[in-house]
Amino acid sequence: MKKIAILGSSGGNLYNLGGKEPLKLLGEIEVQGKSADIEIAEIQFIGAKASMDNANEKTPSRLYTWNLSEKKIIFSEEKTLKEINEMAISKDLAIAEKIHNGEIEGLVLMSSDPKNANKHSIKAAIEKKIPIVGTGGTSMATIQSLGGNVIATSGTTGTTNRTRAVASIQALSKYWGIKYKPTIGSSKENNSNVDENIFQRISFRGIMMAALPGFIAMAIVLALSKVPALSSLGEAFDILIQGLPVVVAAIAAKQVSGLDEVGIVAGVVAGMLSSKGGLIGGLIGGVLAGIFAVYLIRLTLSLNFPGTTSNIVSGGLSGLVAGLVVFYLISPITLKLGNGIRFLIEAAIGFNPILAGGIAGLLIWPAIIGGVYHAAILPIVLLEMETTGASFLGAIDMTALVMVSAGITLANILFPKQKSESAIAAPGFFINIAFGTFVEAAYPFMFSDKIVFIGAMISAALSGISVGLFDLKGTAYVPSITAPALSNNPSGFLISMLVGLVSSFLITVFANKIGKNKGIKEA
């Protein structure tokens, strides 16, 4: 059996997509690994009680490790994040030694810290050239820049504990030539009730991000409906718009309840009744359904109801009660709130679209670097898409983030300061173009060169100005070559994409030539 180590933390964005429940997150990797005869040899995972975007040295945390003799996940007592980090360093050294000794043959990383808590292990993995897989855009980009043998990487947005585990084990299995069939059943539960609090599961941005594929599907149908031969798809588009609150409600109820299918049913029932309150109405209806489902299943089981009956009561009745509450009491308020947010964006665009686009483009890089993007901007993008299938901020995302990152990575493929940088930049450029995501691929080049960083900001502002000039609406998280077709103005969208790409490309080439000449002179 191949032996792996799992390293990382509950993360920033990851925290809202499964990171706040480390036992389930780690347990899913264990279950999927067993399907491929891949064995866990070590775990070093820092689980904080808050997103790392907002955590501090005093944030309550635990260190999750692996008991090799009993083959199970264990965790420390709760301490401050500072104390847990100190414990993690000694564990990191022990794992690094095992890697050097050949006792660990691969790494699975999630929001790891290659500069501190995981630096010794990752350094050893790089030296031994063992395969590395994982998520966490910033950390994985850093590891690539250090020369790690990264065979699969992605950002965290849109993933779940299961999809992350399957993706990681699939990549390792392919690399080692091992047969692997994903396990679809429930992941292993390891004392999952420890410090469990249902209200800690409520993550509005996590729910909205998980619903993103539904919005992309709607945007695709909208684009196809513009083709004369497919104009009848306009009716399908209208149905999808009406169904979006149901999608959001189902995800919310499942995440909050933790009851899988029971939670999904509760969310669907609540979502159908909450749909007239728009996206926010569906969100609130789903959250309420998830909460009610937990308490109802506890109540019915305590009253010795049969399991089937408990499921029916908790799934059906909780969705019904939550949906009726939103239908009669909350939906008028949520509808006005959603319309108000869209009105503010439209008012800013109406006042001066070029200025609005330029400011949005200028601020979007600081927003994603500072952790604000996933917390605020992406949910607003989805609120915009709820009525039109496209978004002003979605257009900014594609042109000012994805295309600027693509320009920076392309420049480092064709005209790098050092030959090794081409190999580092290539995977990021491919993901930018092929999937419209992983803008963190540009981080190593931006953070190591002020000219590149400033160039990214300038290029993003220029592409934002172009978005405002053409009054564009669109979306990211789709293949870049298809993005213009999903916008309200394909030619204008393509121009705005090229503005961001070409500008960042030229500035990065200029910065690389300066850096290259400086290196020659110093030599």
Protein backbone atom coordinates (compact mmCIF):
# COMPACT_ATOMS: atom_id res chain seq x y z
CA MET A 1 0.00 0.00 0.00
CA LYS A 2 1.14 3.51 -0.81
CA LYS A 3 1.44 5.76 2.22
CA ILE A 4 0.41 9.43 2.32
CA ALA A 5 0.41 12.31 4.76
CA ILE A 6 -2.39 14.87 5.03
CA LEU A 7 -1.25 18.38 5.89
CA GLY A 8 -3.02 21.70 6.21
CA SER A 9 -5.56 23.70 8.13
CA SER A 10 -9.25 24.54 8.24
CA GLY A 11 -8.31 27.49 6.04
CA GLY A 12 -9.98 30.73 5.05
CA ASN A 13 -12.34 29.93 2.20
CA LEU A 14 -12.02 26.20 2.99
CA TYR A 15 -13.46 26.85 6.47
CA ASN A 16 -16.84 27.56 4.87
CA LEU A 17 -16.66 24.53 2.58
CA GLY A 18 -16.01 21.74 5.08
CA GLY A 19 -12.92 22.98 6.91
CA LYS A 20 -14.89 23.79 10.04
CA GLU A 21 -15.56 20.04 10.45
CA PRO A 22 -12.05 18.52 10.32
CA LEU A 23 -13.11 15.01 11.30
CA LYS A 24 -15.47 14.74 8.36
CA LEU A 25 -12.99 16.40 6.02
CA LEU A 26 -10.14 14.09 7.01
CA GLY A 27 -12.44 11.07 7.30
CA GLU A 28 -13.53 11.48 3.68
CA ILE A 29 -9.90 11.26 2.51
CA GLU A 30 -9.42 8.16 4.67
CA VAL A 31 -12.47 6.49 3.14
CA GLN A 32 -11.53 7.35 -0.44
CA GLY A 33 -7.91 6.30 0.19
CA LYS A 34 -8.99 2.85 1.33
CA SER A 35 -10.78 2.37 -2.00
CA ALA A 36 -7.40 2.71 -3.71
CA ASP A 37 -5.29 0.84 -1.14
CA ILE A 38 -3.69 4.15 -0.16
CA GLU A 39 -2.94 4.31 3.53
CA ILE A 40 -2.64 7.32 5.81
CA ALA A 41 0.75 7.41 7.51
CA GLU A 42 0.55 10.84 9.13
CA ILE A 43 -1.82 13.78 9.62
CA GLN A 44 -0.97 17.28 10.72
CA PHE A 45 -4.09 19.42 10.45
CA ILE A 46 -4.82 22.64 12.34
CA GLY A 47 -8.53 23.09 12.95
CA ALA A 48 -9.49 26.57 14.14
CA LYS A 49 -12.89 27.71 15.41
CA ALA A 50 -12.92 30.54 12.86
CA SER A 51 -11.87 31.18 9.29
CA MET A 52 -8.14 31.81 9.00
CA ASP A 53 -9.08 35.05 7.24
CA ASN A 54 -10.34 36.31 10.61
CA ALA A 55 -8.43 34.14 13.12
CA ASN A 56 -5.84 35.47 15.54
CA GLU A 57 -3.35 33.97 17.99
CA LYS A 58 -6.09 33.47 20.61
CA THR A 59 -8.59 31.69 18.34
CA PRO A 60 -9.57 28.32 19.90
CA SER A 61 -8.04 25.51 17.83
CA ARG A 62 -7.12 21.82 17.84
CA LEU A 63 -4.34 19.82 16.23
CA TYR A 64 -5.61 16.74 14.38
CA THR A 65 -3.14 13.87 13.94
CA TRP A 66 -3.11 10.17 13.05
CA ASN A 67 -2.86 7.33 15.53
CA LEU A 68 -0.93 4.79 13.46
CA SER A 69 -1.38 1.84 15.82
CA GLU A 70 -5.17 2.25 16.05
CA LYS A 71 -5.47 3.68 12.53
CA LYS A 72 -7.76 6.53 13.46
CA ILE A 73 -7.85 10.32 13.57
CA ILE A 74 -7.18 11.84 16.97
CA PHE A 75 -7.09 15.45 18.13
CA SER A 76 -5.54 17.52 20.88
CA GLU A 77 -7.38 19.38 23.57
CA GLU A 78 -8.55 22.83 22.60
CA LYS A 79 -5.87 25.51 22.88
CA THR A 80 -5.08 28.90 21.36
CA LEU A 81 -4.05 28.99 17.72
CA LYS A 82 -0.58 30.18 18.77
CA GLU A 83 -0.09 27.13 21.02
CA ILE A 84 -1.44 24.75 18.36
CA ASN A 85 0.93 26.23 15.77
CA GLU A 86 3.85 25.52 18.12
CA MET A 87 2.69 21.91 18.49
CA ALA A 88 2.30 21.64 14.73
CA ILE A 89 5.92 22.62 14.11
CA SER A 90 7.28 19.64 16.04
CA LYS A 91 4.87 17.36 14.15
CA ASP A 92 6.06 18.93 10.91
CA LEU A 93 9.66 17.99 11.69
CA ALA A 94 8.66 14.39 12.45
CA ILE A 95 6.74 14.11 9.17
CA ALA A 96 9.69 15.59 7.25
CA GLU A 97 11.95 12.88 8.68
CA LYS A 98 9.51 10.17 7.59
CA ILE A 99 9.46 11.60 4.08
CA HIS A 100 13.25 11.53 3.93
CA ASN A 101 13.19 7.91 5.16
CA GLY A 102 10.73 6.88 2.45
CA GLU A 103 7.91 6.15 4.92
CA ILE A 104 5.64 8.71 3.23
CA GLU A 105 5.24 8.58 -0.55
CA GLY A 106 2.75 11.36 -1.28
CA LEU A 107 1.17 14.48 0.22
CA VAL A 108 -2.44 15.64 0.30
CA LEU A 109 -2.59 19.33 1.17
CA MET A 110 -5.52 21.56 2.12
CA SER A 111 -4.88 25.23 2.88
CA SER A 112 -1.36 24.33 3.93
CA ASP A 113 1.31 26.74 5.17
CA PRO A 114 4.52 26.10 3.19
CA LYS A 115 6.34 28.97 4.89
CA ASN A 116 5.71 28.06 8.52
CA ALA A 117 3.64 25.18 9.91
CA ASN A 118 4.34 22.82 6.99
CA LYS A 119 7.64 24.14 5.67
CA HIS A 120 9.85 21.20 6.74
CA SER A 121 7.49 18.55 5.36
CA ILE A 122 7.00 20.37 2.08
CA LYS A 123 10.72 21.01 1.73
CA ALA A 124 11.37 17.30 2.25
CA ALA A 125 8.66 16.41 -0.28
CA ILE A 126 10.24 18.73 -2.83
CA GLU A 127 13.68 17.21 -2.26
CA LYS A 128 12.34 13.65 -2.56
CA LYS A 129 10.15 14.67 -5.52
CA ILE A 130 7.15 12.80 -4.13
CA PRO A 131 3.75 13.64 -5.68
CA ILE A 132 1.76 16.49 -4.10
CA VAL A 133 -1.97 17.10 -4.54
CA GLY A 134 -4.31 19.52 -2.86
CA THR A 135 -6.37 22.68 -2.74
CA GLY A 136 -5.76 26.23 -1.57
CA GLY A 137 -4.81 28.56 -4.39
CA THR A 138 -2.21 30.67 -2.60
CA SER A 139 -0.37 27.83 -0.86
CA MET A 140 -0.39 25.50 -3.86
CA ALA A 141 0.93 28.26 -6.14
CA THR A 142 3.74 28.87 -3.65
CA ILE A 143 4.64 25.18 -3.53
CA GLN A 144 4.72 25.06 -7.33
CA SER A 145 7.07 28.05 -7.35
CA LEU A 146 9.37 26.22 -4.91
CA GLY A 147 9.66 23.29 -7.31
CA GLY A 148 7.18 20.85 -5.74
CA ASN A 149 6.04 17.85 -7.77
CA VAL A 150 2.44 19.08 -7.81
CA ILE A 151 0.38 16.67 -9.91
CA ALA A 152 -3.07 18.12 -9.18
CA THR A 153 -4.12 21.47 -7.75
CA SER A 154 -7.06 23.85 -7.65
CA GLY A 155 -8.58 26.62 -5.65
CA THR A 156 -11.20 25.79 -3.03
CA THR A 157 -14.26 27.53 -4.45
CA GLY A 158 -16.94 25.12 -5.55
CA THR A 159 -15.41 22.03 -3.91
CA THR A 160 -16.72 19.82 -1.09
CA ASN A 161 -15.03 17.41 1.31
CA ARG A 162 -15.95 14.54 -0.96
CA THR A 163 -14.95 16.13 -4.27
CA ARG A 164 -11.63 17.25 -2.79
CA ALA A 165 -10.94 13.74 -1.47
CA VAL A 166 -11.93 12.03 -4.71
CA ALA A 167 -9.88 14.45 -6.80
CA SER A 168 -6.81 13.96 -4.61
CA ILE A 169 -6.99 10.15 -4.48
CA GLN A 170 -7.81 9.96 -8.17
CA ALA A 171 -4.71 11.98 -9.07
CA LEU A 172 -2.45 9.92 -6.81
CA SER A 173 -3.91 6.65 -8.11
CA LYS A 174 -3.31 7.67 -11.70
CA TYR A 175 0.24 8.77 -10.86
CA TRP A 176 1.01 5.44 -9.18
CA GLY A 177 -0.98 3.30 -11.64
CA ILE A 178 -3.41 2.10 -8.96
CA LYS A 179 -7.00 1.03 -9.66
CA TYR A 180 -9.45 3.32 -7.86
CA LYS A 181 -13.21 3.49 -7.68
CA PRO A 182 -14.59 6.37 -5.57
CA THR A 183 -16.62 5.45 -2.52
CA ILE A 184 -20.04 7.06 -2.77
CA GLY A 185 -21.39 6.08 0.65
CA SER A 186 -21.20 8.16 3.81
CA SER A 187 -17.76 9.14 5.02
CA LYS A 188 -16.42 7.68 8.23
CA GLU A 189 -17.66 9.43 11.35
CA ASN A 190 -15.03 9.99 14.02
CA ASN A 191 -16.57 11.45 17.20
CA SER A 192 -18.37 13.97 14.99
CA ASN A 193 -20.49 15.23 17.86
CA VAL A 194 -17.48 16.78 19.65
CA ASP A 195 -18.29 20.48 20.19
CA GLU A 196 -21.01 20.16 17.55
CA ASN A 197 -23.21 23.25 17.28
CA ILE A 198 -25.78 23.41 14.51
CA PHE A 199 -25.53 27.20 14.24
CA GLN A 200 -21.79 26.94 13.53
CA ARG A 201 -22.69 25.19 10.29
CA ILE A 202 -24.51 28.21 8.91
CA SER A 203 -22.27 29.82 6.31
CA PHE A 204 -24.11 32.06 3.87
CA ARG A 205 -21.13 32.49 1.55
CA GLY A 206 -20.38 28.76 1.65
CA ILE A 207 -23.96 28.00 0.60
CA MET A 208 -23.92 30.57 -2.20
CA MET A 209 -20.60 29.30 -3.55
CA ALA A 210 -21.81 25.71 -3.55
CA ALA A 211 -24.78 26.85 -5.65
CA LEU A 212 -22.51 28.37 -8.31
CA PRO A 213 -22.88 25.49 -10.82
CA GLY A 214 -26.63 26.18 -10.98
CA PHE A 215 -25.99 29.78 -11.95
CA ILE A 216 -23.48 28.74 -14.60
CA ALA A 217 -26.05 26.33 -16.06
CA MET A 218 -28.54 29.19 -16.23
CA ALA A 219 -26.00 31.43 -18.00
CA ILE A 220 -25.32 28.71 -20.57
CA VAL A 221 -29.03 28.29 -21.31
CA LEU A 222 -29.37 32.07 -21.68
CA ALA A 223 -26.51 32.17 -24.19
CA LEU A 224 -27.95 29.27 -26.20
CA SER A 225 -31.40 30.88 -26.25
CA LYS A 226 -29.91 33.80 -28.23
CA VAL A 227 -29.23 31.45 -31.14
CA PRO A 228 -32.25 31.76 -33.50
CA ALA A 229 -32.64 28.00 -33.88
CA LEU A 230 -32.67 27.60 -30.06
CA SER A 231 -34.85 30.57 -29.13
CA SER A 232 -37.35 28.24 -27.43
CA LEU A 233 -34.78 27.81 -24.64
CA GLY A 234 -35.94 31.18 -23.34
CA GLU A 235 -38.71 29.31 -21.53
CA ALA A 236 -36.14 26.98 -19.98
CA PHE A 237 -34.19 30.03 -18.81
CA ASP A 238 -37.29 31.39 -17.05
CA ILE A 239 -37.78 28.06 -15.30
CA LEU A 240 -34.16 27.99 -14.17
CA ILE A 241 -34.46 31.48 -12.69
CA GLN A 242 -37.51 30.38 -10.71
CA GLY A 243 -35.65 27.28 -9.56
CA LEU A 244 -32.52 29.00 -8.25
CA PRO A 245 -34.01 29.69 -4.78
CA VAL A 246 -34.82 25.97 -4.58
CA VAL A 247 -31.20 25.06 -5.41
CA VAL A 248 -29.89 27.42 -2.75
CA ALA A 249 -32.43 26.19 -0.19
CA ALA A 250 -31.53 22.53 -0.80
CA ILE A 251 -27.81 23.23 -0.34
CA ALA A 252 -28.46 25.32 2.78
CA ALA A 253 -30.64 22.66 4.41
CA LYS A 254 -28.17 19.88 3.62
CA GLN A 255 -25.18 21.81 4.96
CA VAL A 256 -26.92 23.07 8.10
CA SER A 257 -28.63 19.80 8.99
CA GLY A 258 -25.78 17.47 8.06
CA LEU A 259 -28.47 14.90 7.26
CA ASP A 260 -27.64 14.39 3.58
CA GLU A 261 -30.77 13.27 1.69
CA VAL A 262 -33.12 14.24 4.52
CA GLY A 263 -31.68 17.74 4.53
CA ILE A 264 -31.92 17.97 0.74
CA VAL A 265 -35.62 17.05 0.78
CA ALA A 266 -36.29 19.58 3.53
CA GLY A 267 -34.47 22.24 1.52
CA VAL A 268 -36.33 21.50 -1.72
CA VAL A 269 -39.72 21.74 0.01
CA ALA A 270 -38.72 24.95 1.76
CA GLY A 271 -37.20 26.37 -1.43
CA MET A 272 -40.34 25.86 -3.48
CA LEU A 273 -42.36 27.78 -0.89
CA SER A 274 -39.65 30.43 -0.47
CA SER A 275 -39.07 31.11 -4.17
CA LYS A 276 -41.16 34.26 -4.34
CA GLY A 277 -38.71 35.80 -1.86
CA GLY A 278 -35.91 35.41 -4.40
CA LEU A 279 -32.44 34.07 -3.76
CA ILE A 280 -32.24 35.46 -0.22
CA GLY A 281 -35.66 34.02 0.56
CA GLY A 282 -34.53 30.58 -0.59
CA LEU A 283 -31.37 30.93 1.47
CA ILE A 284 -33.27 31.74 4.66
CA GLY A 285 -35.87 29.05 3.99
CA GLY A 286 -33.14 26.43 3.53
CA VAL A 287 -31.31 27.45 6.69
CA LEU A 288 -34.52 27.27 8.72
CA ALA A 289 -35.37 23.89 7.20
CA GLY A 290 -31.93 22.56 8.13
CA ILE A 291 -32.29 23.73 11.72
CA PHE A 292 -35.81 22.35 12.06
CA ALA A 293 -34.76 19.02 10.51
CA VAL A 294 -32.09 18.45 13.18
CA TYR A 295 -34.41 19.16 16.07
CA LEU A 296 -37.28 17.16 14.58
CA ILE A 297 -35.19 14.05 13.97
CA ARG A 298 -33.83 14.24 17.52
CA LEU A 299 -37.36 14.62 18.87
CA THR A 300 -38.87 11.79 16.85
CA LEU A 301 -36.05 9.37 17.63
CA SER A 302 -36.33 10.20 21.33
CA LEU A 303 -40.02 9.29 21.06
CA ASN A 304 -39.05 5.90 19.55
CA PHE A 305 -40.39 6.67 16.07
CA PRO A 306 -39.16 4.21 13.40
CA GLY A 307 -36.22 5.53 11.45
CA THR A 308 -38.24 5.83 8.23
CA THR A 309 -40.91 7.85 9.97
CA SER A 310 -38.30 10.10 11.57
CA ASN A 311 -36.84 10.81 8.16
CA ILE A 312 -40.24 11.61 6.70
CA VAL A 313 -41.15 13.90 9.57
CA SER A 314 -37.82 15.70 9.74
CA GLY A 315 -37.41 16.03 5.96
CA GLY A 316 -40.99 16.86 5.02
CA LEU A 317 -42.34 18.73 8.01
CA SER A 318 -39.23 20.85 8.60
CA GLY A 319 -39.23 21.96 4.96
CA LEU A 320 -42.94 22.68 5.07
CA VAL A 321 -42.80 24.75 8.26
CA ALA A 322 -39.70 26.69 7.16
CA GLY A 323 -41.17 27.33 3.71
CA LEU A 324 -44.47 28.58 5.09
CA VAL A 325 -42.67 30.95 7.47
CA VAL A 326 -40.78 32.49 4.57
CA PHE A 327 -43.83 32.41 2.27
CA TYR A 328 -46.07 34.39 4.60
CA LEU A 329 -43.67 36.45 6.74
CA ILE A 330 -40.19 36.85 5.28
CA SER A 331 -40.38 36.76 1.47
CA PRO A 332 -41.58 40.37 0.98
CA ILE A 333 -38.56 41.61 2.98
CA THR A 334 -36.01 39.37 1.24
CA LEU A 335 -37.34 40.29 -2.19
CA LYS A 336 -36.89 43.98 -1.44
CA LEU A 337 -33.41 43.35 -0.02
CA GLY A 338 -32.26 41.51 -3.17
CA ASN A 339 -33.75 44.16 -5.42
CA GLY A 340 -32.07 46.85 -3.31
CA ILE A 341 -28.61 45.35 -3.76
CA ARG A 342 -29.11 45.08 -7.51
CA PHE A 343 -30.45 48.65 -7.61
CA LEU A 344 -27.33 50.00 -5.92
CA ILE A 345 -25.09 48.30 -8.48
CA GLU A 346 -27.21 49.53 -11.37
CA ALA A 347 -27.24 53.04 -9.88
CA ALA A 348 -23.44 53.09 -9.70
CA ILE A 349 -23.20 51.90 -13.29
CA GLY A 350 -25.85 54.39 -14.39
CA PHE A 351 -24.05 57.29 -12.71
CA ASN A 352 -20.75 56.63 -14.51
CA PRO A 353 -20.18 53.15 -15.97
CA ILE A 354 -16.55 53.82 -16.88
CA LEU A 355 -15.72 55.05 -13.37
CA ALA A 356 -17.65 52.16 -11.78
CA GLY A 357 -15.81 49.63 -13.94
CA GLY A 358 -12.41 51.19 -13.29
CA ILE A 359 -12.90 51.26 -9.52
CA ALA A 360 -14.25 47.69 -9.46
CA GLY A 361 -11.29 46.48 -11.52
CA LEU A 362 -8.80 48.35 -9.35
CA LEU A 363 -10.21 46.94 -6.11
CA ILE A 364 -10.86 43.33 -7.10
CA TRP A 365 -7.24 42.14 -6.66
CA PRO A 366 -6.94 43.62 -3.13
CA ALA A 367 -10.35 42.07 -2.40
CA ILE A 368 -9.33 38.53 -3.32
CA ILE A 369 -5.90 38.84 -1.69
CA GLY A 370 -7.53 40.17 1.50
CA GLY A 371 -10.19 37.43 1.64
CA VAL A 372 -13.09 39.78 0.88
CA TYR A 373 -13.91 38.34 -2.55
CA HIS A 374 -15.45 35.07 -1.41
CA ALA A 375 -17.15 36.71 1.57
CA ALA A 376 -18.88 39.55 -0.28
CA ILE A 377 -18.26 39.86 -4.01
CA LEU A 378 -19.15 36.34 -5.17
CA PRO A 379 -22.53 36.31 -3.34
CA ILE A 380 -23.35 39.68 -4.96
CA VAL A 381 -22.41 38.23 -8.37
CA LEU A 382 -24.95 35.48 -7.81
CA LEU A 383 -27.59 37.97 -6.72
CA GLU A 384 -27.03 39.88 -9.96
CA MET A 385 -27.26 36.68 -12.01
CA GLU A 386 -30.53 35.74 -10.31
CA THR A 387 -32.58 37.97 -12.62
CA THR A 388 -30.54 38.38 -15.80
CA GLY A 389 -28.25 35.34 -15.98
CA ALA A 390 -25.17 37.57 -16.08
CA SER A 391 -23.43 40.04 -13.77
CA PHE A 392 -21.45 43.29 -13.93
CA LEU A 393 -19.12 42.06 -11.18
CA GLY A 394 -18.98 38.68 -12.92
CA ALA A 395 -17.62 40.44 -16.00
CA ILE A 396 -15.05 42.21 -13.81
CA ASP A 397 -14.08 38.83 -12.34
CA MET A 398 -13.33 37.30 -15.74
CA THR A 399 -11.61 40.31 -17.31
CA ALA A 400 -9.76 41.82 -14.33
CA LEU A 401 -8.85 38.65 -12.41
CA VAL A 402 -8.77 35.64 -14.69
CA MET A 403 -7.42 37.40 -17.78
CA VAL A 404 -4.87 39.43 -15.84
CA SER A 405 -3.63 36.25 -14.17
CA ALA A 406 -3.49 34.59 -17.60
CA GLY A 407 -1.43 37.51 -18.96
CA ILE A 408 1.05 37.32 -16.07
CA THR A 409 1.49 33.55 -16.33
CA LEU A 410 1.76 33.66 -20.13
CA ALA A 411 4.52 36.27 -19.88
CA ASN A 412 6.40 33.98 -17.51
CA ILE A 413 6.00 31.05 -19.89
CA LEU A 414 7.35 32.91 -22.92
CA PHE A 415 9.72 35.45 -21.35
CA PRO A 416 10.62 34.28 -17.82
CA LYS A 417 13.35 35.78 -15.68
CA GLN A 418 14.56 32.23 -15.04
CA LYS A 419 13.88 29.11 -17.08
CA SER A 420 12.34 27.32 -14.08
CA GLU A 421 9.54 29.89 -13.93
CA SER A 422 8.07 28.66 -17.23
CA ALA A 423 7.22 25.30 -15.69
CA ILE A 424 5.71 27.03 -12.67
CA ALA A 425 3.53 29.35 -14.75
CA ALA A 426 2.27 26.84 -17.33
CA PRO A 427 -0.29 24.93 -15.17
CA GLY A 428 -1.78 28.19 -13.88
CA PHE A 429 -2.15 29.62 -17.38
CA PHE A 430 -3.84 26.44 -18.56
CA ILE A 431 -6.38 26.51 -15.70
CA ASN A 432 -7.03 30.24 -16.25
CA ILE A 433 -7.86 29.67 -19.91
CA ALA A 434 -9.46 26.22 -19.76
CA PHE A 435 -11.57 26.70 -16.62
CA GLY A 436 -11.75 30.44 -15.89
CA THR A 437 -10.45 30.10 -12.33
CA PHE A 438 -7.26 29.72 -10.18
CA VAL A 439 -6.19 33.37 -10.37
CA GLU A 440 -3.86 32.61 -7.44
CA ALA A 441 -1.47 31.22 -10.06
CA ALA A 442 -0.24 34.79 -10.54
CA TYR A 443 0.61 35.28 -6.85
CA PRO A 444 4.24 34.05 -6.91
CA PHE A 445 5.07 36.52 -9.67
CA MET A 446 3.04 39.40 -8.22
CA PHE A 447 4.43 39.06 -4.71
CA SER A 448 8.03 38.72 -5.85
CA ASP A 449 8.03 41.76 -8.15
CA LYS A 450 6.44 45.12 -7.37
CA ILE A 451 6.23 46.05 -11.04
CA VAL A 452 4.19 42.92 -11.78
CA PHE A 453 1.93 43.62 -8.80
CA ILE A 454 1.33 47.22 -9.85
CA GLY A 455 0.89 46.04 -13.44
CA ALA A 456 -1.84 43.65 -12.32
CA MET A 457 -3.69 46.49 -10.61
CA ILE A 458 -3.34 48.78 -13.64
CA SER A 459 -4.41 46.04 -16.06
CA ALA A 460 -7.41 45.16 -13.91
CA ALA A 461 -8.47 48.82 -13.80
CA LEU A 462 -8.10 49.14 -17.58
CA SER A 463 -10.16 46.03 -18.23
CA GLY A 464 -12.75 47.32 -15.73
CA ILE A 465 -12.95 50.60 -17.62
CA SER A 466 -13.54 48.60 -20.80
CA VAL A 467 -16.31 46.64 -19.04
CA GLY A 468 -17.97 49.91 -18.07
CA LEU A 469 -17.48 51.37 -21.54
CA PHE A 470 -19.29 48.47 -23.21
CA ASP A 471 -21.83 48.13 -20.34
CA LEU A 472 -20.93 44.47 -19.97
CA LYS A 473 -22.40 41.68 -17.91
CA GLY A 474 -21.01 38.16 -17.81
CA THR A 475 -19.53 35.49 -15.58
CA ALA A 476 -16.29 33.77 -14.60
CA TYR A 477 -15.79 30.10 -13.59
CA VAL A 478 -16.33 29.01 -17.19
CA PRO A 479 -13.75 28.26 -19.91
CA SER A 480 -12.36 31.64 -20.97
CA ILE A 481 -12.98 30.96 -24.65
CA THR A 482 -16.71 30.54 -23.93
CA ALA A 483 -17.07 33.55 -21.61
CA PRO A 484 -17.85 36.09 -24.37
CA ALA A 485 -20.74 33.94 -25.59
CA LEU A 486 -22.23 33.98 -22.07
CA SER A 487 -22.18 37.79 -21.87
CA ASN A 488 -24.61 40.45 -23.07
CA ASN A 489 -22.07 41.75 -25.61
CA PRO A 490 -19.69 39.07 -26.93
CA SER A 491 -17.46 41.37 -28.98
CA GLY A 492 -17.17 43.95 -26.22
CA PHE A 493 -16.49 41.21 -23.68
CA LEU A 494 -13.74 39.75 -25.83
CA ILE A 495 -12.12 43.17 -26.19
CA SER A 496 -12.24 43.70 -22.42
CA MET A 497 -10.68 40.28 -21.84
CA LEU A 498 -7.88 41.08 -24.26
CA VAL A 499 -7.28 44.44 -22.58
CA GLY A 500 -6.62 42.70 -19.27
CA LEU A 501 -4.55 39.89 -20.78
CA VAL A 502 -2.39 41.99 -23.15
CA SER A 503 -1.78 44.77 -20.62
CA SER A 504 -0.67 42.41 -17.84
CA PHE A 505 1.38 40.38 -20.33
CA LEU A 506 3.33 43.43 -21.60
CA ILE A 507 3.95 44.86 -18.14
CA THR A 508 5.14 41.48 -16.84
CA VAL A 509 7.47 41.02 -19.83
CA PHE A 510 8.88 44.48 -19.11
CA ALA A 511 9.34 43.63 -15.41
CA ASN A 512 11.01 40.31 -16.26
CA LYS A 513 13.48 41.99 -18.62
CA ILE A 514 14.42 44.49 -15.92
CA GLY A 515 14.85 41.66 -13.41
CA LYS A 516 16.88 39.62 -15.87
CA ASN A 517 19.20 42.51 -16.67
CA LYS A 518 19.62 43.27 -12.99
CA GLY A 519 20.53 39.64 -12.32
CA ILE A 520 23.12 39.67 -15.12
CA LYS A 521 24.74 42.85 -13.77
CA GLU A 522 24.87 41.46 -10.24
CA ALA A 523 26.44 38.23 -11.54
